[in-house]
Structure formats: C-alpha cells, structure tokens
Amino acid sequence: MSFYRHDAWQHLMGALVEVRKDGRIVREGLVDDVMPDSSALWIAGDGSRNRVLIEAAEGYEVWVDPRPLEGKRAYRMTSAVLQPRAARAHTATRPDRPATSAEQDPEPRC
C-alpha cells in the first residue's frame, strides 16, 4: 500500500485513514466528520474504541491510501486531489495535453 499525507482534511469525510503523530500510527479508521477549515476531524468508533477528535494543531497528520471508491465519491481520492502540485507540474511538462478540471482547480468540490 502507498499511503500519502493529506492536508485538506475537509475532503476526507467517509474515507479510511491512518492518523500519525511523530511518525507513528496512532489510530486508523473511518472519518466520521470534518471541520471545513481542516483544523480537526473525527474518527468513528469501532468495536472497543470510541469516536475520537483529531486536531491538526496538536501535530497529527492524516494519511490515505488512494483506492477506487464507489458511488458519487468514485473519483475523489485520485492522485491529482492528493497531490495537486504534482499534477500541475505534470501538466506543465506536457503542453500538448489540455489541463483537466482537477488540474485547473486544485480544490475539488464534492
């Protein structure tokens, strides 16, 4: 699996993530809710673990493994969304190809 750090937490509602702090995985789970400014998110409770609030200001990082999703979120976890700067740089090196909407507007609207 190839996990990528994802700083735009507001786009992770319903995604499976790893939460890391100081390079260690501290929690894995489903994102239950997010703050619109990406300052915090909630990981859903599962089995013996309760729902937990994760705050960016406390040094937490959220990592995702891009994979195909079903339904209306099918294209949300693409590499262009996870790494918008890399997608724009790739377009700059290929002037023969018109930019896609994800490359023109790095902030997806889901």
PDB file of N, CA and C in Angstrom:
ATOM      1  N   MET A   1       0.839  -1.190   0.000  1.00  0.00           N
ATOM      2  CA  MET A   1       0.000   0.000   0.000  1.00  0.00           C
ATOM      3  C   MET A   1       0.878   1.245   0.000  1.00  0.00           C
ATOM      4  N   SER A   2       0.458   2.242  -0.718  1.00  0.00           N
ATOM      5  CA  SER A   2       1.169   3.520  -0.765  1.00  0.00           C
ATOM      6  C   SER A   2       0.308   4.582  -0.105  1.00  0.00           C
ATOM      7  N   PHE A   3       0.666   4.954   1.101  1.00  0.00           N
ATOM      8  CA  PHE A   3      -0.080   5.982   1.808  1.00  0.00           C
ATOM      9  C   PHE A   3       0.527   7.344   1.504  1.00  0.00           C
ATOM     10  N   TYR A   4      -0.342   8.356   1.441  1.00  0.00           N
ATOM     11  CA  TYR A   4       0.068   9.720   1.186  1.00  0.00           C
ATOM     12  C   TYR A   4      -0.506  10.618   2.262  1.00  0.00           C
ATOM     13  N   ARG A   5       0.312  11.583   2.694  1.00  0.00           N
ATOM     14  CA  ARG A   5      -0.188  12.576   3.651  1.00  0.00           C
ATOM     15  C   ARG A   5      -1.196  13.455   2.929  1.00  0.00           C
ATOM     16  N   HIS A   6      -2.289  13.731   3.611  1.00  0.00           N
ATOM     17  CA  HIS A   6      -3.358  14.538   3.015  1.00  0.00           C
ATOM     18  C   HIS A   6      -3.706  15.659   3.981  1.00  0.00           C
ATOM     19  N   ASP A   7      -3.428  16.897   3.582  1.00  0.00           N
ATOM     20  CA  ASP A   7      -3.623  18.033   4.473  1.00  0.00           C
ATOM     21  C   ASP A   7      -4.998  18.683   4.353  1.00  0.00           C
ATOM     22  N   ALA A   8      -5.711  18.434   3.282  1.00  0.00           N
ATOM     23  CA  ALA A   8      -7.047  19.022   3.088  1.00  0.00           C
ATOM     24  C   ALA A   8      -8.082  18.087   3.711  1.00  0.00           C
ATOM     25  N   TRP A   9      -8.129  18.081   5.026  1.00  0.00           N
ATOM     26  CA  TRP A   9      -8.982  17.146   5.756  1.00  0.00           C
ATOM     27  C   TRP A   9     -10.455  17.300   5.416  1.00  0.00           C
ATOM     28  N   GLN A  10     -10.884  18.475   4.999  1.00  0.00           N
ATOM     29  CA  GLN A  10     -12.304  18.694   4.714  1.00  0.00           C
ATOM     30  C   GLN A  10     -12.813  17.804   3.592  1.00  0.00           C
ATOM     31  N   HIS A  11     -11.913  17.215   2.800  1.00  0.00           N
ATOM     32  CA  HIS A  11     -12.305  16.345   1.689  1.00  0.00           C
ATOM     33  C   HIS A  11     -12.306  14.864   2.061  1.00  0.00           C
ATOM     34  N   LEU A  12     -12.056  14.541   3.317  1.00  0.00           N
ATOM     35  CA  LEU A  12     -11.890  13.144   3.716  1.00  0.00           C
ATOM     36  C   LEU A  12     -13.108  12.507   4.368  1.00  0.00           C
ATOM     37  N   MET A  13     -14.215  13.175   4.393  1.00  0.00           N
ATOM     38  CA  MET A  13     -15.429  12.618   5.003  1.00  0.00           C
ATOM     39  C   MET A  13     -15.748  11.257   4.379  1.00  0.00           C
ATOM     40  N   GLY A  14     -15.838  10.229   5.210  1.00  0.00           N
ATOM     41  CA  GLY A  14     -16.173   8.896   4.743  1.00  0.00           C
ATOM     42  C   GLY A  14     -14.989   8.070   4.274  1.00  0.00           C
ATOM     43  N   ALA A  15     -13.781   8.626   4.335  1.00  0.00           N
ATOM     44  CA  ALA A  15     -12.591   7.901   3.874  1.00  0.00           C
ATOM     45  C   ALA A  15     -11.948   7.119   5.016  1.00  0.00           C
ATOM     46  N   LEU A  16     -11.287   6.021   4.665  1.00  0.00           N
ATOM     47  CA  LEU A  16     -10.477   5.276   5.625  1.00  0.00           C
ATOM     48  C   LEU A  16      -9.101   5.917   5.666  1.00  0.00           C
ATOM     49  N   VAL A  17      -8.613   6.221   6.871  1.00  0.00           N
ATOM     50  CA  VAL A  17      -7.354   6.937   7.013  1.00  0.00           C
ATOM     51  C   VAL A  17      -6.486   6.326   8.114  1.00  0.00           C
ATOM     52  N   GLU A  18      -5.227   6.717   8.094  1.00  0.00           N
ATOM     53  CA  GLU A  18      -4.302   6.472   9.196  1.00  0.00           C
ATOM     54  C   GLU A  18      -4.006   7.825   9.810  1.00  0.00           C
ATOM     55  N   VAL A  19      -4.043   7.903  11.130  1.00  0.00           N
ATOM     56  CA  VAL A  19      -3.669   9.120  11.834  1.00  0.00           C
ATOM     57  C   VAL A  19      -2.290   8.876  12.430  1.00  0.00           C
ATOM     58  N   ARG A  20      -1.376   9.790  12.150  1.00  0.00           N
ATOM     59  CA  ARG A  20       0.001   9.637  12.633  1.00  0.00           C
ATOM     60  C   ARG A  20       0.417  10.851  13.450  1.00  0.00           C
ATOM     61  N   LYS A  21       1.295  10.602  14.401  1.00  0.00           N
ATOM     62  CA  LYS A  21       1.898  11.677  15.179  1.00  0.00           C
ATOM     63  C   LYS A  21       3.341  11.279  15.434  1.00  0.00           C
ATOM     64  N   ASP A  22       4.250  12.180  15.140  1.00  0.00           N
ATOM     65  CA  ASP A  22       5.683  11.925  15.287  1.00  0.00           C
ATOM     66  C   ASP A  22       6.114  10.668  14.530  1.00  0.00           C
ATOM     67  N   GLY A  23       5.503  10.444  13.355  1.00  0.00           N
ATOM     68  CA  GLY A  23       5.879   9.318  12.516  1.00  0.00           C
ATOM     69  C   GLY A  23       5.282   7.978  12.900  1.00  0.00           C
ATOM     70  N   ARG A  24       4.506   7.923  13.972  1.00  0.00           N
ATOM     71  CA  ARG A  24       3.891   6.668  14.419  1.00  0.00           C
ATOM     72  C   ARG A  24       2.395   6.684  14.126  1.00  0.00           C
ATOM     73  N   ILE A  25       1.862   5.528  13.752  1.00  0.00           N
ATOM     74  CA  ILE A  25       0.411   5.403  13.558  1.00  0.00           C
ATOM     75  C   ILE A  25      -0.234   5.335  14.934  1.00  0.00           C
ATOM     76  N   VAL A  26      -1.155   6.274  15.203  1.00  0.00           N
ATOM     77  CA  VAL A  26      -1.838   6.286  16.498  1.00  0.00           C
ATOM     78  C   VAL A  26      -3.291   5.836  16.403  1.00  0.00           C
ATOM     79  N   ARG A  27      -3.837   5.869  15.192  1.00  0.00           N
ATOM     80  CA  ARG A  27      -5.225   5.427  15.014  1.00  0.00           C
ATOM     81  C   ARG A  27      -5.485   5.204  13.540  1.00  0.00           C
ATOM     82  N   GLU A  28      -6.320   4.242  13.245  1.00  0.00           N
ATOM     83  CA  GLU A  28      -6.804   4.000  11.892  1.00  0.00           C
ATOM     84  C   GLU A  28      -8.318   3.983  11.975  1.00  0.00           C
ATOM     85  N   GLY A  29      -8.966   4.438  10.938  1.00  0.00           N
ATOM     86  CA  GLY A  29     -10.413   4.364  10.957  1.00  0.00           C
ATOM     87  C   GLY A  29     -11.082   5.191   9.884  1.00  0.00           C
ATOM     88  N   LEU A  30     -12.399   5.244  10.009  1.00  0.00           N
ATOM     89  CA  LEU A  30     -13.269   5.943   9.063  1.00  0.00           C
ATOM     90  C   LEU A  30     -13.504   7.369   9.547  1.00  0.00           C
ATOM     91  N   VAL A  31     -13.314   8.336   8.658  1.00  0.00           N
ATOM     92  CA  VAL A  31     -13.556   9.733   9.015  1.00  0.00           C
ATOM     93  C   VAL A  31     -15.066   9.944   9.105  1.00  0.00           C
ATOM     94  N   ASP A  32     -15.507  10.293  10.300  1.00  0.00           N
ATOM     95  CA  ASP A  32     -16.924  10.446  10.600  1.00  0.00           C
ATOM     96  C   ASP A  32     -17.421  11.867  10.347  1.00  0.00           C
ATOM     97  N   ASP A  33     -16.564  12.855  10.597  1.00  0.00           N
ATOM     98  CA  ASP A  33     -16.945  14.253  10.402  1.00  0.00           C
ATOM     99  C   ASP A  33     -15.665  15.076  10.289  1.00  0.00           C
ATOM    100  N   VAL A  34     -15.766  16.250   9.687  1.00  0.00           N
ATOM    101  CA  VAL A  34     -14.604  17.116   9.481  1.00  0.00           C
ATOM    102  C   VAL A  34     -14.979  18.568   9.732  1.00  0.00           C
ATOM    103  N   MET A  35     -13.979  19.368  10.081  1.00  0.00           N
ATOM    104  CA  MET A  35     -14.159  20.818  10.159  1.00  0.00           C
ATOM    105  C   MET A  35     -13.899  21.378   8.767  1.00  0.00           C
ATOM    106  N   PRO A  36     -14.666  22.363   8.325  1.00  0.00           N
ATOM    107  CA  PRO A  36     -14.499  22.889   6.969  1.00  0.00           C
ATOM    108  C   PRO A  36     -13.142  23.540   6.723  1.00  0.00           C
ATOM    109  N   ASP A  37     -12.436  23.948   7.778  1.00  0.00           N
ATOM    110  CA  ASP A  37     -11.121  24.571   7.619  1.00  0.00           C
ATOM    111  C   ASP A  37      -9.968  23.586   7.804  1.00  0.00           C
ATOM    112  N   SER A  38     -10.268  22.296   7.865  1.00  0.00           N
ATOM    113  CA  SER A  38      -9.281  21.224   8.031  1.00  0.00           C
ATOM    114  C   SER A  38      -8.526  21.290   9.348  1.00  0.00           C
ATOM    115  N   SER A  39      -9.078  21.947  10.349  1.00  0.00           N
ATOM    116  CA  SER A  39      -8.406  22.048  11.651  1.00  0.00           C
ATOM    117  C   SER A  39      -8.616  20.802  12.499  1.00  0.00           C
ATOM    118  N   ALA A  40      -9.646  20.031  12.206  1.00  0.00           N
ATOM    119  CA  ALA A  40      -9.939  18.843  13.007  1.00  0.00           C
ATOM    120  C   ALA A  40     -10.837  17.894  12.226  1.00  0.00           C
ATOM    121  N   LEU A  41     -10.794  16.629  12.660  1.00  0.00           N
ATOM    122  CA  LEU A  41     -11.714  15.637  12.131  1.00  0.00           C
ATOM    123  C   LEU A  41     -12.019  14.619  13.217  1.00  0.00           C
ATOM    124  N   TRP A  42     -13.068  13.856  13.011  1.00  0.00           N
ATOM    125  CA  TRP A  42     -13.471  12.825  13.961  1.00  0.00           C
ATOM    126  C   TRP A  42     -13.342  11.471  13.296  1.00  0.00           C
ATOM    127  N   ILE A  43     -12.729  10.542  14.008  1.00  0.00           N
ATOM    128  CA  ILE A  43     -12.644   9.159  13.559  1.00  0.00           C
ATOM    129  C   ILE A  43     -13.775   8.405  14.254  1.00  0.00           C
ATOM    130  N   ALA A  44     -14.565   7.681  13.481  1.00  0.00           N
ATOM    131  CA  ALA A  44     -15.707   6.934  14.024  1.00  0.00           C
ATOM    132  C   ALA A  44     -15.242   5.863  14.996  1.00  0.00           C
ATOM    133  N   GLY A  45     -16.070   5.590  15.974  1.00  0.00           N
ATOM    134  CA  GLY A  45     -15.805   4.500  16.898  1.00  0.00           C
ATOM    135  C   GLY A  45     -15.996   3.166  16.193  1.00  0.00           C
ATOM    136  N   ASP A  46     -15.233   2.179  16.659  1.00  0.00           N
ATOM    137  CA  ASP A  46     -15.378   0.840  16.076  1.00  0.00           C
ATOM    138  C   ASP A  46     -15.065  -0.200  17.148  1.00  0.00           C
ATOM    139  N   GLY A  47     -16.019  -0.994  17.458  1.00  0.00           N
ATOM    140  CA  GLY A  47     -15.811  -2.040  18.458  1.00  0.00           C
ATOM    141  C   GLY A  47     -15.522  -1.463  19.827  1.00  0.00           C
ATOM    142  N   SER A  48     -14.311  -1.666  20.321  1.00  0.00           N
ATOM    143  CA  SER A  48     -13.964  -1.225  21.673  1.00  0.00           C
ATOM    144  C   SER A  48     -13.424   0.197  21.731  1.00  0.00           C
ATOM    145  N   ARG A  49     -13.191   0.829  20.586  1.00  0.00           N
ATOM    146  CA  ARG A  49     -12.650   2.193  20.576  1.00  0.00           C
ATOM    147  C   ARG A  49     -13.763   3.195  20.341  1.00  0.00           C
ATOM    148  N   ASN A  50     -13.729   4.281  21.095  1.00  0.00           N
ATOM    149  CA  ASN A  50     -14.717   5.349  20.973  1.00  0.00           C
ATOM    150  C   ASN A  50     -14.375   6.284  19.816  1.00  0.00           C
ATOM    151  N   ARG A  51     -15.355   7.075  19.443  1.00  0.00           N
ATOM    152  CA  ARG A  51     -15.140   8.141  18.462  1.00  0.00           C
ATOM    153  C   ARG A  51     -14.096   9.091  19.052  1.00  0.00           C
ATOM    154  N   VAL A  52     -13.202   9.605  18.198  1.00  0.00           N
ATOM    155  CA  VAL A  52     -12.129  10.452  18.706  1.00  0.00           C
ATOM    156  C   VAL A  52     -11.955  11.685  17.830  1.00  0.00           C
ATOM    157  N   LEU A  53     -11.651  12.812  18.486  1.00  0.00           N
ATOM    158  CA  LEU A  53     -11.384  14.076  17.799  1.00  0.00           C
ATOM    159  C   LEU A  53      -9.880  14.174  17.548  1.00  0.00           C
ATOM    160  N   ILE A  54      -9.504  14.461  16.321  1.00  0.00           N
ATOM    161  CA  ILE A  54      -8.108  14.624  15.923  1.00  0.00           C
ATOM    162  C   ILE A  54      -7.932  16.076  15.494  1.00  0.00           C
ATOM    163  N   GLU A  55      -6.982  16.781  16.116  1.00  0.00           N
ATOM    164  CA  GLU A  55      -6.762  18.187  15.800  1.00  0.00           C
ATOM    165  C   GLU A  55      -5.396  18.394  15.156  1.00  0.00           C
ATOM    166  N   ALA A  56      -5.374  19.116  14.055  1.00  0.00           N
ATOM    167  CA  ALA A  56      -4.119  19.380  13.330  1.00  0.00           C
ATOM    168  C   ALA A  56      -3.148  20.172  14.206  1.00  0.00           C
ATOM    169  N   ALA A  57      -3.652  21.083  15.025  1.00  0.00           N
ATOM    170  CA  ALA A  57      -2.791  21.916  15.869  1.00  0.00           C
ATOM    171  C   ALA A  57      -2.003  21.101  16.894  1.00  0.00           C
ATOM    172  N   GLU A  58      -2.435  19.887  17.166  1.00  0.00           N
ATOM    173  CA  GLU A  58      -1.725  19.029  18.121  1.00  0.00           C
ATOM    174  C   GLU A  58      -0.641  18.194  17.431  1.00  0.00           C
ATOM    175  N   GLY A  59      -0.410  18.422  16.157  1.00  0.00           N
ATOM    176  CA  GLY A  59       0.665  17.748  15.443  1.00  0.00           C
ATOM    177  C   GLY A  59       0.279  16.456  14.750  1.00  0.00           C
ATOM    178  N   TYR A  60      -1.019  16.178  14.663  1.00  0.00           N
ATOM    179  CA  TYR A  60      -1.464  14.964  13.985  1.00  0.00           C
ATOM    180  C   TYR A  60      -1.401  15.155  12.471  1.00  0.00           C
ATOM    181  N   GLU A  61      -1.123  14.079  11.766  1.00  0.00           N
ATOM    182  CA  GLU A  61      -1.151  14.047  10.307  1.00  0.00           C
ATOM    183  C   GLU A  61      -2.124  12.958   9.890  1.00  0.00           C
ATOM    184  N   VAL A  62      -2.787  13.171   8.761  1.00  0.00           N
ATOM    185  CA  VAL A  62      -3.712  12.167   8.237  1.00  0.00           C
ATOM    186  C   VAL A  62      -3.153  11.654   6.916  1.00  0.00           C
ATOM    187  N   TRP A  63      -3.083  10.332   6.811  1.00  0.00           N
ATOM    188  CA  TRP A  63      -2.547   9.659   5.638  1.00  0.00           C
ATOM    189  C   TRP A  63      -3.630   8.788   5.026  1.00  0.00           C
ATOM    190  N   VAL A  64      -3.672   8.767   3.702  1.00  0.00           N
ATOM    191  CA  VAL A  64      -4.676   7.976   2.996  1.00  0.00           C
ATOM    192  C   VAL A  64      -4.004   7.056   1.983  1.00  0.00           C
ATOM    193  N   ASP A  65      -4.679   5.975   1.689  1.00  0.00           N
ATOM    194  CA  ASP A  65      -4.265   5.039   0.644  1.00  0.00           C
ATOM    195  C   ASP A  65      -5.259   5.203  -0.491  1.00  0.00           C
ATOM    196  N   PRO A  66      -4.870   5.870  -1.587  1.00  0.00           N
ATOM    197  CA  PRO A  66      -5.819   6.076  -2.674  1.00  0.00           C
ATOM    198  C   PRO A  66      -6.264   4.740  -3.263  1.00  0.00           C
ATOM    199  N   ARG A  67      -7.554   4.614  -3.434  1.00  0.00           N
ATOM    200  CA  ARG A  67      -8.117   3.391  -3.997  1.00  0.00           C
ATOM    201  C   ARG A  67      -9.447   3.735  -4.626  1.00  0.00           C
ATOM    202  N   PRO A  68      -9.920   2.905  -5.531  1.00  0.00           N
ATOM    203  CA  PRO A  68     -11.215   3.186  -6.167  1.00  0.00           C
ATOM    204  C   PRO A  68     -12.344   3.167  -5.136  1.00  0.00           C
ATOM    205  N   LEU A  69     -13.201   4.144  -5.223  1.00  0.00           N
ATOM    206  CA  LEU A  69     -14.387   4.209  -4.376  1.00  0.00           C
ATOM    207  C   LEU A  69     -15.612   3.992  -5.250  1.00  0.00           C
ATOM    208  N   GLU A  70     -16.717   3.711  -4.614  1.00  0.00           N
ATOM    209  CA  GLU A  70     -17.960   3.504  -5.355  1.00  0.00           C
ATOM    210  C   GLU A  70     -18.881   4.700  -5.195  1.00  0.00           C
ATOM    211  N   GLY A  71     -19.833   4.806  -6.094  1.00  0.00           N
ATOM    212  CA  GLY A  71     -20.848   5.852  -5.994  1.00  0.00           C
ATOM    213  C   GLY A  71     -20.322   7.223  -6.370  1.00  0.00           C
ATOM    214  N   LYS A  72     -20.939   8.262  -5.807  1.00  0.00           N
ATOM    215  CA  LYS A  72     -20.615   9.632  -6.195  1.00  0.00           C
ATOM    216  C   LYS A  72     -19.222  10.061  -5.759  1.00  0.00           C
ATOM    217  N   ARG A  73     -18.564   9.306  -4.878  1.00  0.00           N
ATOM    218  CA  ARG A  73     -17.213   9.648  -4.441  1.00  0.00           C
ATOM    219  C   ARG A  73     -16.145   8.868  -5.201  1.00  0.00           C
ATOM    220  N   ALA A  74     -16.506   8.265  -6.294  1.00  0.00           N
ATOM    221  CA  ALA A  74     -15.626   7.358  -7.014  1.00  0.00           C
ATOM    222  C   ALA A  74     -14.319   8.007  -7.461  1.00  0.00           C
ATOM    223  N   TYR A  75     -14.307   9.277  -7.725  1.00  0.00           N
ATOM    224  CA  TYR A  75     -13.099   9.910  -8.250  1.00  0.00           C
ATOM    225  C   TYR A  75     -12.480  10.896  -7.276  1.00  0.00           C
ATOM    226  N   ARG A  76     -12.906  10.873  -6.039  1.00  0.00           N
ATOM    227  CA  ARG A  76     -12.440  11.854  -5.065  1.00  0.00           C
ATOM    228  C   ARG A  76     -11.025  11.600  -4.580  1.00  0.00           C
ATOM    229  N   MET A  77     -10.589  10.359  -4.509  1.00  0.00           N
ATOM    230  CA  MET A  77      -9.297  10.047  -3.930  1.00  0.00           C
ATOM    231  C   MET A  77      -8.236   9.788  -4.996  1.00  0.00           C
ATOM    232  N   THR A  78      -8.252  10.569  -6.059  1.00  0.00           N
ATOM    233  CA  THR A  78      -7.263  10.397  -7.121  1.00  0.00           C
ATOM    234  C   THR A  78      -5.965  11.091  -6.731  1.00  0.00           C
ATOM    235  N   SER A  79      -4.894  10.756  -7.402  1.00  0.00           N
ATOM    236  CA  SER A  79      -3.601  11.361  -7.077  1.00  0.00           C
ATOM    237  C   SER A  79      -3.612  12.864  -7.338  1.00  0.00           C
ATOM    238  N   ALA A  80      -4.407  13.343  -8.295  1.00  0.00           N
ATOM    239  CA  ALA A  80      -4.478  14.783  -8.550  1.00  0.00           C
ATOM    240  C   ALA A  80      -5.074  15.525  -7.358  1.00  0.00           C
ATOM    241  N   VAL A  81      -5.979  14.891  -6.641  1.00  0.00           N
ATOM    242  CA  VAL A  81      -6.557  15.510  -5.455  1.00  0.00           C
ATOM    243  C   VAL A  81      -5.584  15.420  -4.289  1.00  0.00           C
ATOM    244  N   LEU A  82      -4.903  14.286  -4.162  1.00  0.00           N
ATOM    245  CA  LEU A  82      -3.976  14.098  -3.055  1.00  0.00           C
ATOM    246  C   LEU A  82      -2.718  14.931  -3.208  1.00  0.00           C
ATOM    247  N   GLN A  83      -2.268  15.105  -4.424  1.00  0.00           N
ATOM    248  CA  GLN A  83      -1.030  15.837  -4.685  1.00  0.00           C
ATOM    249  C   GLN A  83      -1.257  16.844  -5.806  1.00  0.00           C
ATOM    250  N   PRO A  84      -2.037  17.916  -5.558  1.00  0.00           N
ATOM    251  CA  PRO A  84      -2.392  18.840  -6.637  1.00  0.00           C
ATOM    252  C   PRO A  84      -1.185  19.540  -7.249  1.00  0.00           C
ATOM    253  N   ARG A  85      -0.138  19.820  -6.470  1.00  0.00           N
ATOM    254  CA  ARG A  85       1.037  20.491  -7.036  1.00  0.00           C
ATOM    255  C   ARG A  85       1.733  19.585  -8.048  1.00  0.00           C
ATOM    256  N   ALA A  86       1.834  18.313  -7.736  1.00  0.00           N
ATOM    257  CA  ALA A  86       2.470  17.366  -8.659  1.00  0.00           C
ATOM    258  C   ALA A  86       1.670  17.261  -9.951  1.00  0.00           C
ATOM    259  N   ALA A  87       0.351  17.286  -9.855  1.00  0.00           N
ATOM    260  CA  ALA A  87      -0.499  17.206 -11.042  1.00  0.00           C
ATOM    261  C   ALA A  87      -0.301  18.440 -11.921  1.00  0.00           C
ATOM    262  N   ARG A  88      -0.198  19.612 -11.293  1.00  0.00           N
ATOM    263  CA  ARG A  88       0.025  20.836 -12.076  1.00  0.00           C
ATOM    264  C   ARG A  88       1.406  20.812 -12.725  1.00  0.00           C
ATOM    265  N   ALA A  89       2.413  20.317 -12.014  1.00  0.00           N
ATOM    266  CA  ALA A  89       3.767  20.236 -12.570  1.00  0.00           C
ATOM    267  C   ALA A  89       3.792  19.277 -13.758  1.00  0.00           C
ATOM    268  N   HIS A  90       3.048  18.168 -13.647  1.00  0.00           N
ATOM    269  CA  HIS A  90       2.981  17.197 -14.741  1.00  0.00           C
ATOM    270  C   HIS A  90       2.358  17.831 -15.976  1.00  0.00           C
ATOM    271  N   THR A  91       1.325  18.642 -15.800  1.00  0.00           N
ATOM    272  CA  THR A  91       0.669  19.313 -16.915  1.00  0.00           C
ATOM    273  C   THR A  91       1.622  20.306 -17.566  1.00  0.00           C
ATOM    274  N   ALA A  92       2.433  20.981 -16.724  1.00  0.00           N
ATOM    275  CA  ALA A  92       3.368  21.962 -17.265  1.00  0.00           C
ATOM    276  C   ALA A  92       4.414  21.309 -18.151  1.00  0.00           C
ATOM    277  N   THR A  93       4.720  20.051 -17.903  1.00  0.00           N
ATOM    278  CA  THR A  93       5.710  19.357 -18.724  1.00  0.00           C
ATOM    279  C   THR A  93       5.095  18.743 -19.970  1.00  0.00           C
ATOM    280  N   ARG A  94       3.752  18.799 -20.096  1.00  0.00           N
ATOM    281  CA  ARG A  94       3.069  18.217 -21.258  1.00  0.00           C
ATOM    282  C   ARG A  94       2.178  19.283 -21.899  1.00  0.00           C
ATOM    283  N   PRO A  95       2.764  20.238 -22.622  1.00  0.00           N
ATOM    284  CA  PRO A  95       1.956  21.308 -23.209  1.00  0.00           C
ATOM    285  C   PRO A  95       1.008  20.819 -24.293  1.00  0.00           C
ATOM    286  N   ASP A  96       1.204  19.611 -24.811  1.00  0.00           N
ATOM    287  CA  ASP A  96       0.333  19.094 -25.858  1.00  0.00           C
ATOM    288  C   ASP A  96      -1.000  18.594 -25.308  1.00  0.00           C
ATOM    289  N   ARG A  97      -1.109  18.479 -23.980  1.00  0.00           N
ATOM    290  CA  ARG A  97      -2.329  17.948 -23.361  1.00  0.00           C
ATOM    291  C   ARG A  97      -3.035  19.064 -22.600  1.00  0.00           C
ATOM    292  N   PRO A  98      -4.312  19.311 -22.892  1.00  0.00           N
ATOM    293  CA  PRO A  98      -5.039  20.335 -22.139  1.00  0.00           C
ATOM    294  C   PRO A  98      -5.209  19.913 -20.686  1.00  0.00           C
ATOM    295  N   ALA A  99      -5.216  20.888 -19.798  1.00  0.00           N
ATOM    296  CA  ALA A  99      -5.376  20.617 -18.371  1.00  0.00           C
ATOM    297  C   ALA A  99      -6.782  20.105 -18.087  1.00  0.00           C
ATOM    298  N   THR A 100      -6.877  19.152 -17.156  1.00  0.00           N
ATOM    299  CA  THR A 100      -8.181  18.654 -16.730  1.00  0.00           C
ATOM    300  C   THR A 100      -8.771  19.609 -15.713  1.00  0.00           C
ATOM    301  N   SER A 101     -10.038  19.444 -15.389  1.00  0.00           N
ATOM    302  CA  SER A 101     -10.667  20.326 -14.401  1.00  0.00           C
ATOM    303  C   SER A 101      -9.994  20.211 -13.048  1.00  0.00           C
ATOM    304  N   ALA A 102      -9.517  19.024 -12.670  1.00  0.00           N
ATOM    305  CA  ALA A 102      -8.827  18.860 -11.383  1.00  0.00           C
ATOM    306  C   ALA A 102      -7.519  19.622 -11.364  1.00  0.00           C
ATOM    307  N   GLU A 103      -6.862  19.717 -12.516  1.00  0.00           N
ATOM    308  CA  GLU A 103      -5.590  20.433 -12.591  1.00  0.00           C
ATOM    309  C   GLU A 103      -5.818  21.944 -12.646  1.00  0.00           C
ATOM    310  N   GLN A 104      -6.898  22.380 -13.242  1.00  0.00           N
ATOM    311  CA  GLN A 104      -7.193  23.797 -13.301  1.00  0.00           C
ATOM    312  C   GLN A 104      -7.657  24.324 -11.954  1.00  0.00           C
ATOM    313  N   ASP A 105      -8.391  23.522 -11.200  1.00  0.00           N
ATOM    314  CA  ASP A 105      -8.921  23.918  -9.904  1.00  0.00           C
ATOM    315  C   ASP A 105      -8.500  22.859  -8.891  1.00  0.00           C
ATOM    316  N   PRO A 106      -7.368  23.080  -8.175  1.00  0.00           N
ATOM    317  CA  PRO A 106      -6.850  22.048  -7.286  1.00  0.00           C
ATOM    318  C   PRO A 106      -7.751  21.767  -6.079  1.00  0.00           C
ATOM    319  N   GLU A 107      -8.712  22.578  -5.782  1.00  0.00           N
ATOM    320  CA  GLU A 107      -9.624  22.350  -4.664  1.00  0.00           C
ATOM    321  C   GLU A 107     -10.899  21.713  -5.191  1.00  0.00           C
ATOM    322  N   PRO A 108     -11.042  20.394  -5.079  1.00  0.00           N
ATOM    323  CA  PRO A 108     -12.243  19.724  -5.607  1.00  0.00           C
ATOM    324  C   PRO A 108     -13.479  20.117  -4.829  1.00  0.00           C
ATOM    325  N   ARG A 109     -14.567  20.116  -5.527  1.00  0.00           N
ATOM    326  CA  ARG A 109     -15.856  20.434  -4.880  1.00  0.00           C
ATOM    327  C   ARG A 109     -16.708  19.179  -4.919  1.00  0.00           C
ATOM    328  N   CYS A 110     -16.796  18.513  -3.767  1.00  0.00           N
ATOM    329  CA  CYS A 110     -17.549  17.257  -3.706  1.00  0.00           C
ATOM    330  C   CYS A 110     -18.901  17.476  -3.085  1.00  0.00           C
TER     331      CYS A 110
END
